[in-house]
Amino acid sequence: MKKIHGDPTPRLRRRAFLSDLARLAGAGVVAGWTPIRPIPAHAQPAGSTPPNFPADIALYKQAFRNWSGEIAVANLWTAAPATPADVVAIANWAAQHGYRARALGHMHNWSPLAVAANDANARVLLVDTTKHLTAVSVDASTTPARVTAQAGVSMDTLLATLEQYGLGMTAFPAPGDITLGGALAIGAHGTALPAAGETRLPGHTYGSLSNAVLSLTAVVHDAPSGRYALRTFERTDPDIGPFLAHVGRAFIIEATLQAGANQRLQCESFVDIPASELFARAGARGRTVESFLRRSGRIEAIWYPFTGAPWLKVWSVRPNRPAGARAVDQPYNYPFSDSLPRELSDLVSRIVLNGEFQLTPLFGKTLYAITCLGLTNPFAPATNLWGWSRTVLNYVRPTTLRVTANGYAVLTSRANVQRAINEFVGAYRQRIADYRAAGSYPMNGPVEIRVTGVDSPDEVAPGATAPSLSALRPRPDHPDWDVAIWFDILTLPGTPDANRFYRDIEQWMLSNYSGGYATVRPEWSKGWGYTSSAAWSDDTMIGATIPDLFRQGLPSDDNWDAALRTLDRYDPRRVFSSPLLDRLLR
């Protein structure tokens, strides 16, 4: 068989892999994660002391590490503004001194939107929003209710505050350790569609968190004065569109979001449905994704590599506790996934340190076995949970295994969800088999699949503006494309052939979901734009393909180019930009 994958010199490939994983272990990815911020040995140094920085704003050095540990910078200059006015002062200082000001949250992100992975950080200042810009207030007297929160508040805190008022959201990301500002920057999502017969409640949306925004305040350039200042944009203002999911190209201070009546949800876990049944062809009978969407509207499939049955979670609106369900009043109810048990850590060590990549199938099967055992723990069974929305929708802790991931949203019609998933699964299986036949195991983490609605402005307010750069932005020329399927594939950072595999999948997705019955867009926080050696590196993808995906079917005065013009107008000095954004949003 012709070998089409991998380096022709396995010993050098393994040596490079071990080198990568050694530095990742230093960043806490492999050998366990600690909440402190040590400076990894491989991290790039920061530049000299920022000159003439405002004396009344805290300034210090700290390390930056993204979620997977693949981006790490030592001693990066960081400011901790105490007020919105401090952020304005920082922006004006940065513009005057030729610096970039990058919002800093909890660093739960993969893509280098904020900080570059190389040495291009000499004149970069992180602006830590988590120290002081965390205020939250709720107004439950309006219809719908609304919550106003500063950008540094965590989703954990925001959702817990809403719960105190009997309020909640339909869908949001599984981890709670992300800031509101970070979530809005990348159009963060959960998983939810209306079940058969379900009516959307006031204050709720089936789209991204960005679609729940009623207004926001950003730091923008004021043309008459020539300086940066605060400005509030209402959802009906056409200029708000690019700010709703700005991909890091703006600095949001606070946002007001709609909220609706909190809902009690039942979360059932299934580990006995064969992948061949769950991901069957469209129209097939049995326990398919489509059957669960009709029944409940809310699903997530986690399919470990080289296993026959995914871990399927199904959430259903249940005002009253179903028989057999365990009531929970706090989130994070899957402790078996919060950290590495000995069985897994031993396998990770053998795969990572010894280069025993052929153990990947055993690793996948061990993940599946631990999941099955954890779900059926007699002291805290987790196969059937019931509680308020955040208690069953938040379940990823910061201590979980740190992996890298690609990410895409496939927009299509609800009638074609099963078809789109079936085609993806077939392409994934074929490529896994091809790589395995060549002696390569690039994917040692699961495939994850979620399904949401799109960012319909009419779910918010009459005359609302659509989020211009959201992956969930509707296509006016395809009003039937009312669903998005989110696909992620996870693997340990540095795994040989991973980027080559990711590129193969990305190119297949672009070819397969090419506008006939579906289209595809990148998930900004994850991996995309792959070459065979790195993510966010394909010049054609970054400079042409992705922009075109946000031009197709959209009017010229409200598409990718219009969004970039708006962002440039409000930040002509590109204070809120980065090396990747200079290439992508140019």
Protein backbone atom coordinates (compact mmCIF):
# COMPACT_ATOMS: atom_id res chain seq x y z
CA MET A 1 0.00 0.00 0.00
CA LYS A 2 1.28 3.45 -0.81
CA LYS A 3 2.04 5.34 2.39
CA ILE A 4 0.32 8.68 2.15
CA HIS A 5 0.48 9.82 5.76
CA GLY A 6 3.16 10.81 8.19
CA ASP A 7 6.85 11.58 8.22
CA PRO A 8 9.07 9.11 6.34
CA THR A 9 11.42 9.07 9.32
CA PRO A 10 9.44 7.72 12.29
CA ARG A 11 12.32 8.16 14.73
CA LEU A 12 12.52 11.88 14.03
CA ARG A 13 8.74 12.12 14.17
CA ARG A 14 8.69 10.45 17.57
CA ARG A 15 11.50 12.68 18.82
CA ALA A 16 9.57 15.78 17.76
CA PHE A 17 6.44 14.42 19.41
CA LEU A 18 8.28 13.78 22.68
CA SER A 19 9.73 17.27 22.56
CA ASP A 20 6.28 18.76 22.02
CA LEU A 21 4.76 16.75 24.83
CA ALA A 22 7.59 17.56 27.21
CA ARG A 23 6.87 21.24 26.83
CA LEU A 24 3.14 20.62 27.08
CA ALA A 25 3.71 18.72 30.31
CA GLY A 26 5.51 21.80 31.53
CA ALA A 27 2.38 23.78 30.76
CA GLY A 28 0.24 21.33 32.69
CA VAL A 29 -1.52 19.61 29.81
CA VAL A 30 -0.40 16.04 30.27
CA ALA A 31 0.89 15.68 33.80
CA GLY A 32 -2.06 17.28 35.54
CA TRP A 33 -3.31 20.85 35.75
CA THR A 34 -2.79 23.31 38.59
CA PRO A 35 -4.76 26.53 39.01
CA ILE A 36 -1.64 28.65 39.51
CA ARG A 37 0.16 30.18 36.56
CA PRO A 38 3.75 28.95 36.41
CA ILE A 39 5.85 30.09 33.51
CA PRO A 40 6.55 27.14 31.19
CA ALA A 41 10.16 26.66 30.17
CA HIS A 42 9.27 26.86 26.48
CA ALA A 43 7.27 30.06 26.83
CA GLN A 44 8.27 33.14 24.87
CA PRO A 45 9.46 36.16 26.91
CA ALA A 46 7.63 39.46 27.06
CA GLY A 47 9.12 42.76 25.96
CA SER A 48 10.47 45.64 28.03
CA THR A 49 8.40 47.62 30.51
CA PRO A 50 5.56 49.50 28.79
CA PRO A 51 6.56 53.19 28.78
CA ASN A 52 4.49 55.91 30.45
CA PHE A 53 1.75 53.50 31.44
CA PRO A 54 -1.04 55.07 33.57
CA ALA A 55 0.30 54.95 37.12
CA ASP A 56 -3.05 54.29 38.79
CA ILE A 57 -3.74 51.05 36.88
CA ALA A 58 -2.20 47.82 38.19
CA LEU A 59 0.53 46.52 35.90
CA TYR A 60 2.41 43.25 36.32
CA LYS A 61 3.79 40.22 34.50
CA GLN A 62 2.17 36.83 34.23
CA ALA A 63 2.22 33.79 32.00
CA PHE A 64 -0.39 33.19 29.32
CA ARG A 65 -1.43 29.66 28.36
CA ASN A 66 -4.30 28.68 26.16
CA TRP A 67 -6.55 25.73 27.02
CA SER A 68 -4.41 23.05 25.38
CA GLY A 69 -1.09 24.57 26.47
CA GLU A 70 0.11 24.86 22.88
CA ILE A 71 0.34 28.65 23.19
CA ALA A 72 2.38 29.83 26.17
CA VAL A 73 4.06 33.17 26.80
CA ALA A 74 6.18 33.90 29.87
CA ASN A 75 6.09 37.18 31.76
CA LEU A 76 3.56 38.88 29.51
CA TRP A 77 2.73 42.38 30.63
CA THR A 78 -0.76 42.50 32.07
CA ALA A 79 -2.99 45.28 33.35
CA ALA A 80 -5.93 44.89 35.73
CA PRO A 81 -8.37 47.76 35.11
CA ALA A 82 -10.65 48.54 38.03
CA THR A 83 -13.24 50.44 35.99
CA PRO A 84 -14.43 50.80 32.40
CA ALA A 85 -12.68 54.18 32.36
CA ASP A 86 -9.41 52.38 33.04
CA VAL A 87 -9.92 50.29 29.90
CA VAL A 88 -10.46 53.49 27.91
CA ALA A 89 -7.24 54.91 29.36
CA ILE A 90 -5.39 51.72 28.40
CA ALA A 91 -6.74 51.90 24.84
CA ASN A 92 -5.63 55.51 24.43
CA TRP A 93 -2.22 54.72 25.93
CA ALA A 94 -1.84 51.73 23.58
CA ALA A 95 -2.78 53.80 20.53
CA GLN A 96 -0.26 56.47 21.49
CA HIS A 97 2.59 54.05 22.16
CA GLY A 98 2.03 51.50 19.40
CA TYR A 99 0.83 48.66 21.63
CA ARG A 100 -1.91 46.07 21.22
CA ALA A 101 -4.38 45.67 24.10
CA ARG A 102 -5.78 42.13 24.31
CA ALA A 103 -8.68 41.22 26.58
CA LEU A 104 -7.81 38.41 28.99
CA GLY A 105 -10.33 36.06 30.55
CA HIS A 106 -9.87 32.50 31.78
CA MET A 107 -7.91 31.43 28.67
CA HIS A 108 -10.38 28.66 27.79
CA ASN A 109 -9.61 28.93 24.09
CA TRP A 110 -7.55 27.17 21.46
CA SER A 111 -7.08 29.59 18.58
CA PRO A 112 -4.47 32.39 18.88
CA LEU A 113 -6.99 35.21 18.64
CA ALA A 114 -5.44 37.05 21.60
CA VAL A 115 -1.81 35.97 21.87
CA ALA A 116 0.48 34.59 19.19
CA ALA A 117 2.29 31.30 19.62
CA ASN A 118 5.62 32.74 18.44
CA ASP A 119 7.63 35.76 19.53
CA ALA A 120 5.23 38.37 18.13
CA ASN A 121 4.15 39.56 21.59
CA ALA A 122 6.75 42.24 22.37
CA ARG A 123 4.29 45.14 22.24
CA VAL A 124 1.24 43.32 23.58
CA LEU A 125 -0.55 44.15 26.80
CA LEU A 126 -3.07 41.75 28.27
CA VAL A 127 -6.05 43.43 29.92
CA ASP A 128 -7.35 41.14 32.65
CA THR A 129 -11.10 41.58 32.92
CA THR A 130 -11.53 38.90 35.60
CA LYS A 131 -10.07 40.89 38.50
CA HIS A 132 -12.58 43.74 38.72
CA LEU A 133 -14.91 43.92 35.69
CA THR A 134 -17.29 41.29 37.03
CA ALA A 135 -20.45 43.14 38.06
CA VAL A 136 -23.84 41.51 37.38
CA SER A 137 -27.33 42.96 37.79
CA VAL A 138 -30.70 41.45 36.92
CA ASP A 139 -33.92 43.23 36.00
CA ALA A 140 -36.73 40.70 36.26
CA SER A 141 -39.45 43.35 35.92
CA THR A 142 -39.14 43.63 32.14
CA THR A 143 -40.48 41.28 29.48
CA PRO A 144 -38.30 39.54 28.71
CA ALA A 145 -36.12 39.82 31.78
CA ARG A 146 -32.62 41.11 31.25
CA VAL A 147 -29.22 40.71 32.85
CA THR A 148 -26.44 43.27 32.54
CA ALA A 149 -22.97 41.90 33.16
CA GLN A 150 -19.42 43.11 32.73
CA ALA A 151 -17.13 41.21 30.41
CA GLY A 152 -14.98 39.58 33.09
CA VAL A 153 -17.76 37.73 34.87
CA SER A 154 -17.63 33.96 34.50
CA MET A 155 -20.50 32.06 32.98
CA ASP A 156 -20.65 30.11 36.25
CA THR A 157 -21.41 33.30 38.17
CA LEU A 158 -23.73 34.73 35.53
CA LEU A 159 -25.90 31.61 35.35
CA ALA A 160 -25.96 31.14 39.12
CA THR A 161 -27.12 34.74 39.51
CA LEU A 162 -29.89 34.25 36.96
CA GLU A 163 -30.98 31.10 38.77
CA GLN A 164 -31.53 33.11 41.96
CA TYR A 165 -34.15 35.12 40.07
CA GLY A 166 -35.84 32.09 38.55
CA LEU A 167 -34.22 32.81 35.20
CA GLY A 168 -32.05 30.89 32.79
CA MET A 169 -31.02 30.32 29.20
CA THR A 170 -31.84 27.54 26.77
CA ALA A 171 -28.26 26.72 25.80
CA PHE A 172 -24.74 27.73 26.77
CA PRO A 173 -21.25 26.20 26.78
CA ALA A 174 -20.57 23.19 29.01
CA PRO A 175 -17.60 24.78 30.84
CA GLY A 176 -18.41 27.53 33.33
CA ASP A 177 -14.86 28.86 33.55
CA ILE A 178 -15.20 31.18 30.57
CA THR A 179 -15.93 34.88 30.74
CA LEU A 180 -18.94 36.53 29.22
CA GLY A 181 -16.63 38.68 27.12
CA GLY A 182 -14.81 35.66 25.77
CA ALA A 183 -18.04 33.81 25.08
CA LEU A 184 -19.46 36.72 23.10
CA ALA A 185 -16.23 37.22 21.17
CA ILE A 186 -16.45 33.79 19.57
CA GLY A 187 -20.23 33.28 19.47
CA ALA A 188 -20.21 30.58 22.14
CA HIS A 189 -22.94 27.96 21.93
CA GLY A 190 -24.52 25.05 23.71
CA THR A 191 -26.83 22.45 22.22
CA ALA A 192 -30.56 22.96 21.73
CA LEU A 193 -33.38 22.82 19.21
CA PRO A 194 -37.10 22.90 19.94
CA ALA A 195 -38.47 19.41 20.42
CA ALA A 196 -41.60 18.40 18.54
CA GLY A 197 -44.42 20.56 19.86
CA GLU A 198 -42.12 22.78 21.93
CA THR A 199 -42.70 26.53 21.85
CA ARG A 200 -39.85 28.93 22.48
CA LEU A 201 -40.29 30.81 25.73
CA PRO A 202 -39.89 34.61 25.91
CA GLY A 203 -36.28 35.57 26.58
CA HIS A 204 -34.85 32.36 25.14
CA THR A 205 -32.96 31.66 21.92
CA TYR A 206 -31.82 28.43 20.30
CA GLY A 207 -28.80 30.18 18.80
CA SER A 208 -25.52 31.32 20.29
CA LEU A 209 -25.02 33.41 23.40
CA SER A 210 -24.33 36.37 21.11
CA ASN A 211 -27.90 36.21 19.83
CA ALA A 212 -29.22 36.89 23.35
CA VAL A 213 -27.58 40.33 23.47
CA LEU A 214 -29.93 43.32 23.72
CA SER A 215 -27.21 45.96 23.93
CA LEU A 216 -23.50 46.20 24.60
CA THR A 217 -20.90 48.77 25.55
CA ALA A 218 -17.54 48.73 23.81
CA VAL A 219 -14.37 50.78 23.76
CA VAL A 220 -14.28 52.41 20.32
CA HIS A 221 -12.46 55.17 18.50
CA ASP A 222 -14.33 58.47 18.54
CA ALA A 223 -13.58 60.23 15.27
CA PRO A 224 -14.35 63.83 16.38
CA SER A 225 -12.01 63.67 19.37
CA GLY A 226 -9.51 61.28 17.85
CA ARG A 227 -9.50 59.25 21.05
CA TYR A 228 -11.01 56.02 22.30
CA ALA A 229 -14.17 56.21 24.39
CA LEU A 230 -17.09 54.12 25.60
CA ARG A 231 -20.08 53.68 23.33
CA THR A 232 -23.27 51.69 23.84
CA PHE A 233 -24.86 49.95 20.86
CA GLU A 234 -28.49 48.83 20.89
CA ARG A 235 -29.47 45.60 19.16
CA THR A 236 -31.37 47.55 16.50
CA ASP A 237 -28.25 49.55 15.57
CA PRO A 238 -26.79 48.14 12.32
CA ASP A 239 -23.29 48.83 13.66
CA ILE A 240 -23.75 46.35 16.51
CA GLY A 241 -23.63 43.35 14.16
CA PRO A 242 -19.84 42.90 14.00
CA PHE A 243 -19.49 43.45 17.76
CA LEU A 244 -21.87 40.62 18.69
CA ALA A 245 -19.29 37.98 17.73
CA HIS A 246 -16.20 40.05 16.96
CA VAL A 247 -13.61 37.23 16.97
CA GLY A 248 -11.39 39.29 19.29
CA ARG A 249 -11.32 42.39 17.08
CA ALA A 250 -13.06 44.60 19.66
CA PHE A 251 -13.16 45.18 23.41
CA ILE A 252 -16.55 44.72 25.03
CA ILE A 253 -16.97 46.22 28.51
CA GLU A 254 -20.44 44.96 29.33
CA ALA A 255 -23.52 43.52 27.70
CA THR A 256 -27.21 43.33 28.47
CA LEU A 257 -28.74 39.98 27.54
CA GLN A 258 -32.27 38.71 27.52
CA ALA A 259 -33.18 35.87 29.86
CA GLY A 260 -36.26 33.74 30.26
CA ALA A 261 -37.95 31.58 32.82
CA ASN A 262 -35.55 28.93 34.07
CA GLN A 263 -36.37 25.40 33.01
CA ARG A 264 -35.94 22.09 34.75
CA LEU A 265 -34.25 19.57 32.51
CA GLN A 266 -33.81 15.83 32.62
CA CYS A 267 -30.44 14.63 31.33
CA GLU A 268 -30.31 10.99 30.28
CA SER A 269 -27.09 9.25 29.30
CA PHE A 270 -26.97 6.34 26.87
CA VAL A 271 -23.90 4.22 26.17
CA ASP A 272 -25.57 1.25 24.50
CA ILE A 273 -26.63 2.70 21.14
CA PRO A 274 -24.33 1.52 18.33
CA ALA A 275 -22.80 4.30 16.29
CA SER A 276 -24.18 2.58 13.21
CA GLU A 277 -27.69 3.11 14.59
CA LEU A 278 -27.30 6.58 16.09
CA PHE A 279 -25.54 7.96 13.00
CA ALA A 280 -27.48 5.90 10.44
CA ARG A 281 -28.54 7.15 7.04
CA ALA A 282 -31.36 9.67 6.82
CA GLY A 283 -34.75 8.03 7.11
CA ALA A 284 -33.49 5.03 9.04
CA ARG A 285 -35.57 3.70 11.88
CA GLY A 286 -34.32 3.25 15.40
CA ARG A 287 -32.49 5.40 17.90
CA THR A 288 -31.07 7.97 15.52
CA VAL A 289 -29.97 11.51 16.27
CA GLU A 290 -33.07 12.77 14.49
CA SER A 291 -35.35 10.63 16.66
CA PHE A 292 -33.88 12.16 19.82
CA LEU A 293 -34.11 15.66 18.39
CA ARG A 294 -37.80 15.13 17.70
CA ARG A 295 -38.30 13.80 21.21
CA SER A 296 -36.20 16.22 23.21
CA GLY A 297 -34.43 18.75 20.97
CA ARG A 298 -31.20 18.68 22.97
CA ILE A 299 -28.43 16.13 22.39
CA GLU A 300 -24.70 15.68 22.59
CA ALA A 301 -22.75 12.69 21.29
CA ILE A 302 -19.23 11.96 22.54
CA TRP A 303 -17.74 9.13 20.49
CA TYR A 304 -14.45 7.80 21.77
CA PRO A 305 -12.00 6.51 19.14
CA PHE A 306 -12.23 2.88 18.13
CA THR A 307 -15.39 2.22 20.15
CA GLY A 308 -18.74 1.02 18.90
CA ALA A 309 -21.17 3.16 20.90
CA PRO A 310 -21.00 6.88 21.74
CA TRP A 311 -21.84 8.46 25.07
CA LEU A 312 -25.10 10.17 24.17
CA LYS A 313 -26.60 12.80 26.45
CA VAL A 314 -30.23 13.79 25.88
CA TRP A 315 -31.81 16.74 27.70
CA SER A 316 -35.60 17.03 27.93
CA VAL A 317 -37.72 19.79 29.43
CA ARG A 318 -39.34 18.21 32.50
CA PRO A 319 -41.06 20.55 34.99
CA ASN A 320 -41.53 17.62 37.37
CA ARG A 321 -38.93 15.06 38.37
CA PRO A 322 -39.31 11.91 36.25
CA ALA A 323 -39.42 8.57 38.00
CA GLY A 324 -35.93 7.23 38.53
CA ALA A 325 -34.17 10.54 37.94
CA ARG A 326 -31.68 11.79 40.54
CA ALA A 327 -32.27 15.41 41.51
CA VAL A 328 -29.18 17.63 41.45
CA ASP A 329 -28.83 21.20 42.66
CA GLN A 330 -25.27 21.93 41.52
CA PRO A 331 -23.48 21.50 38.16
CA TYR A 332 -20.50 19.27 37.28
CA ASN A 333 -22.05 15.91 38.00
CA TYR A 334 -19.61 13.70 36.08
CA PRO A 335 -16.62 13.46 38.44
CA PHE A 336 -15.13 10.61 36.43
CA SER A 337 -14.40 13.09 33.63
CA ASP A 338 -12.96 15.79 35.89
CA SER A 339 -9.48 14.30 36.13
CA LEU A 340 -7.37 11.42 34.85
CA PRO A 341 -7.76 8.12 36.73
CA ARG A 342 -4.69 5.92 37.03
CA GLU A 343 -5.72 3.66 34.14
CA LEU A 344 -5.88 6.59 31.76
CA SER A 345 -2.79 8.39 33.03
CA ASP A 346 -0.76 5.22 32.52
CA LEU A 347 -1.98 4.94 28.93
CA VAL A 348 -1.35 8.63 28.26
CA SER A 349 2.18 8.22 29.56
CA ARG A 350 2.81 5.22 27.33
CA ILE A 351 1.36 6.93 24.26
CA VAL A 352 2.97 10.29 24.98
CA LEU A 353 6.31 9.41 26.55
CA ASN A 354 7.01 6.04 24.95
CA GLY A 355 5.51 6.77 21.56
CA GLU A 356 3.28 3.67 21.72
CA PHE A 357 0.69 5.17 19.39
CA GLN A 358 -0.74 1.74 18.61
CA LEU A 359 -2.30 1.90 22.09
CA THR A 360 -4.76 4.53 20.84
CA PRO A 361 -7.58 1.98 20.31
CA LEU A 362 -7.06 0.71 23.87
CA PHE A 363 -7.06 4.31 25.10
CA GLY A 364 -10.44 4.92 23.44
CA LYS A 365 -11.90 1.74 24.86
CA THR A 366 -10.61 2.65 28.33
CA LEU A 367 -12.22 6.08 28.09
CA TYR A 368 -15.49 4.39 27.19
CA ALA A 369 -15.21 1.85 30.03
CA ILE A 370 -14.48 4.56 32.61
CA THR A 371 -17.46 6.55 31.35
CA CYS A 372 -19.76 3.54 31.69
CA LEU A 373 -18.51 2.80 35.20
CA GLY A 374 -18.73 6.44 36.24
CA LEU A 375 -22.28 6.84 35.01
CA THR A 376 -23.41 3.81 37.01
CA ASN A 377 -21.56 4.67 40.22
CA PRO A 378 -23.98 3.40 42.93
CA PHE A 379 -23.10 6.30 45.24
CA ALA A 380 -23.85 8.98 42.64
CA PRO A 381 -25.52 7.49 39.56
CA ALA A 382 -25.43 9.89 36.64
CA THR A 383 -27.36 8.16 33.88
CA ASN A 384 -30.55 10.03 34.73
CA LEU A 385 -30.24 13.51 36.24
CA TRP A 386 -32.82 16.23 36.81
CA GLY A 387 -32.37 19.83 37.87
CA TRP A 388 -32.42 23.47 36.86
CA SER A 389 -30.77 24.19 33.52
CA ARG A 390 -27.26 25.07 34.66
CA THR A 391 -27.01 22.06 36.97
CA VAL A 392 -27.24 19.66 34.04
CA LEU A 393 -25.82 21.79 31.21
CA ASN A 394 -22.56 22.79 32.92
CA TYR A 395 -20.34 19.74 33.27
CA VAL A 396 -16.77 20.48 32.07
CA ARG A 397 -14.35 21.45 34.85
CA PRO A 398 -10.93 23.08 34.35
CA THR A 399 -9.30 19.90 35.69
CA THR A 400 -10.40 17.73 32.78
CA LEU A 401 -7.85 16.34 30.31
CA ARG A 402 -6.53 19.17 28.15
CA VAL A 403 -6.75 18.31 24.48
CA THR A 404 -6.62 20.17 21.20
CA ALA A 405 -9.63 20.27 18.87
CA ASN A 406 -10.85 21.37 15.50
CA GLY A 407 -14.32 22.85 15.21
CA TYR A 408 -16.95 23.61 12.57
CA ALA A 409 -20.63 24.45 12.29
CA VAL A 410 -22.58 22.91 9.41
CA LEU A 411 -25.69 24.94 8.56
CA THR A 412 -28.51 22.98 7.01
CA SER A 413 -32.22 22.31 7.32
CA ARG A 414 -33.61 20.32 10.18
CA ALA A 415 -34.78 17.71 7.69
CA ASN A 416 -31.15 17.11 6.67
CA VAL A 417 -29.52 16.82 10.10
CA GLN A 418 -29.28 13.03 10.00
CA ARG A 419 -27.88 13.09 6.46
CA ALA A 420 -25.18 15.62 7.34
CA ILE A 421 -24.11 13.66 10.42
CA ASN A 422 -24.12 10.34 8.58
CA GLU A 423 -21.90 11.72 5.83
CA PHE A 424 -19.45 13.19 8.33
CA VAL A 425 -19.23 9.94 10.28
CA GLY A 426 -18.60 7.99 7.08
CA ALA A 427 -15.79 10.32 6.04
CA TYR A 428 -14.26 10.22 9.52
CA ARG A 429 -14.37 6.43 9.71
CA GLN A 430 -12.79 6.03 6.28
CA ARG A 431 -9.92 8.36 7.12
CA ILE A 432 -9.31 6.76 10.51
CA ALA A 433 -9.09 3.39 8.73
CA ASP A 434 -6.73 4.76 6.06
CA TYR A 435 -4.39 6.28 8.61
CA ARG A 436 -4.46 3.15 10.74
CA ALA A 437 -3.53 1.05 7.73
CA ALA A 438 -0.52 3.33 7.30
CA GLY A 439 0.45 2.81 10.96
CA SER A 440 -0.79 6.20 12.14
CA TYR A 441 -3.21 7.08 14.97
CA PRO A 442 -3.67 10.87 14.76
CA MET A 443 -6.94 11.07 16.71
CA ASN A 444 -6.83 9.76 20.28
CA GLY A 445 -9.75 11.83 21.57
CA PRO A 446 -13.46 11.68 20.83
CA VAL A 447 -15.65 13.09 18.12
CA GLU A 448 -18.18 15.48 19.67
CA ILE A 449 -21.47 16.40 17.98
CA ARG A 450 -24.00 19.01 19.12
CA VAL A 451 -26.97 20.59 17.35
CA THR A 452 -28.33 24.12 17.75
CA GLY A 453 -30.56 26.59 16.05
CA VAL A 454 -29.19 29.60 14.17
CA ASP A 455 -28.88 33.19 15.37
CA SER A 456 -32.34 34.35 14.34
CA PRO A 457 -32.69 38.05 15.26
CA ASP A 458 -36.45 37.65 15.58
CA GLU A 459 -35.84 35.55 18.69
CA VAL A 460 -34.63 38.73 20.37
CA ALA A 461 -36.46 41.87 19.26
CA PRO A 462 -38.21 43.42 16.25
CA GLY A 463 -35.62 44.96 13.96
CA ALA A 464 -32.71 43.28 15.73
CA THR A 465 -29.41 43.07 13.87
CA ALA A 466 -27.89 39.67 13.13
CA PRO A 467 -24.43 38.82 14.54
CA SER A 468 -22.36 39.50 11.43
CA LEU A 469 -19.47 37.10 12.09
CA SER A 470 -21.23 34.40 14.07
CA ALA A 471 -20.89 30.88 12.71
CA LEU A 472 -24.64 30.67 13.32
CA ARG A 473 -25.56 33.69 11.24
CA PRO A 474 -28.60 32.77 9.11
CA ARG A 475 -28.39 32.71 5.32
CA PRO A 476 -31.21 34.88 3.90
CA ASP A 477 -31.02 32.97 0.62
CA HIS A 478 -31.63 29.71 2.51
CA PRO A 479 -34.29 30.39 5.16
CA ASP A 480 -34.72 26.62 5.43
CA TRP A 481 -31.19 26.32 6.86
CA ASP A 482 -32.43 26.71 10.42
CA VAL A 483 -30.07 24.27 12.17
CA ALA A 484 -26.35 24.06 12.84
CA ILE A 485 -24.49 20.84 13.60
CA TRP A 486 -21.27 21.35 15.54
CA PHE A 487 -18.47 18.87 14.86
CA ASP A 488 -15.27 18.68 16.93
CA ILE A 489 -12.53 16.05 16.89
CA LEU A 490 -10.18 15.98 19.87
CA THR A 491 -6.64 14.69 20.27
CA LEU A 492 -3.64 15.12 22.56
CA PRO A 493 -1.55 18.12 21.49
CA GLY A 494 1.40 17.17 19.34
CA THR A 495 0.09 13.78 18.23
CA PRO A 496 1.86 12.83 14.97
CA ASP A 497 -0.17 13.37 11.80
CA ALA A 498 -2.93 15.18 13.71
CA ASN A 499 -2.73 18.36 11.64
CA ARG A 500 -2.58 16.35 8.42
CA PHE A 501 -5.71 14.50 9.50
CA TYR A 502 -7.44 17.73 10.50
CA ARG A 503 -6.63 19.20 7.09
CA ASP A 504 -8.04 16.14 5.33
CA ILE A 505 -11.29 16.45 7.29
CA GLU A 506 -11.48 20.22 6.78
CA GLN A 507 -11.03 19.96 3.03
CA TRP A 508 -13.60 17.17 2.84
CA MET A 509 -16.12 19.24 4.82
CA LEU A 510 -15.63 22.24 2.55
CA SER A 511 -16.19 20.02 -0.48
CA ASN A 512 -19.13 18.07 0.91
CA TYR A 513 -21.08 20.90 2.58
CA SER A 514 -20.56 23.26 -0.34
CA GLY A 515 -23.93 24.93 -0.66
CA GLY A 516 -26.13 22.27 -2.20
CA TYR A 517 -27.97 21.36 0.97
CA ALA A 518 -25.58 22.75 3.60
CA THR A 519 -22.64 25.05 4.22
CA VAL A 520 -19.84 24.99 6.77
CA ARG A 521 -18.19 27.70 8.87
CA PRO A 522 -15.32 27.57 11.37
CA GLU A 523 -15.84 27.55 15.12
CA TRP A 524 -13.69 30.55 16.00
CA SER A 525 -12.40 29.24 19.33
CA LYS A 526 -11.16 25.92 17.94
CA GLY A 527 -8.81 24.73 15.20
CA TRP A 528 -9.31 25.59 11.51
CA GLY A 529 -7.29 26.74 8.53
CA TYR A 530 -5.04 23.68 8.61
CA THR A 531 -1.95 22.91 6.63
CA SER A 532 -0.42 19.46 7.06
CA SER A 533 1.74 20.87 9.86
CA ALA A 534 -0.30 23.49 11.74
CA ALA A 535 -3.68 25.06 12.38
CA TRP A 536 -4.52 28.68 11.45
CA SER A 537 -1.82 28.52 8.77
CA ASP A 538 -3.48 27.90 5.41
CA ASP A 539 -3.26 31.22 3.60
CA THR A 540 -6.00 30.35 1.12
CA MET A 541 -8.34 29.31 3.89
CA ILE A 542 -7.64 32.44 5.95
CA GLY A 543 -7.51 34.92 3.11
CA ALA A 544 -10.23 33.65 0.78
CA THR A 545 -12.23 30.58 1.80
CA ILE A 546 -13.41 31.73 5.22
CA PRO A 547 -14.28 35.28 4.09
CA ASP A 548 -16.27 33.82 1.20
CA LEU A 549 -18.27 31.66 3.63
CA PHE A 550 -19.46 34.91 5.23
CA ARG A 551 -20.21 36.55 1.89
CA GLN A 552 -22.29 33.80 0.31
CA GLY A 553 -26.00 34.56 0.40
CA LEU A 554 -25.54 37.87 2.24
CA PRO A 555 -26.07 41.43 0.95
CA SER A 556 -22.93 43.41 0.14
CA ASP A 557 -23.75 46.03 2.76
CA ASP A 558 -24.07 43.43 5.52
CA ASN A 559 -21.50 40.72 4.86
CA TRP A 560 -17.90 39.90 5.80
CA ASP A 561 -16.44 42.96 4.10
CA ALA A 562 -19.00 45.30 5.62
CA ALA A 563 -18.32 43.88 9.08
CA LEU A 564 -14.58 44.43 8.68
CA ARG A 565 -15.14 48.01 7.56
CA THR A 566 -17.21 48.65 10.67
CA LEU A 567 -14.64 47.12 13.01
CA ASP A 568 -11.85 49.09 11.31
CA ARG A 569 -13.82 52.31 11.63
CA TYR A 570 -14.22 51.82 15.36
CA ASP A 571 -10.60 50.74 15.83
CA PRO A 572 -8.53 52.36 13.05
CA ARG A 573 -5.31 52.00 15.07
CA ARG A 574 -5.93 48.23 15.35
CA VAL A 575 -5.33 48.41 19.09
CA PHE A 576 -7.65 45.41 19.47
CA SER A 577 -6.00 43.14 16.95
CA SER A 578 -3.42 40.34 16.88
CA PRO A 579 -1.17 38.66 14.29
CA LEU A 580 -3.84 36.12 13.35
CA LEU A 581 -6.56 38.77 13.17
CA ASP A 582 -4.32 40.94 11.00
CA ARG A 583 -4.35 38.08 8.50
CA LEU A 584 -7.97 37.03 8.89
CA LEU A 585 -9.80 40.33 9.43
CA ARG A 586 -7.83 42.47 7.03
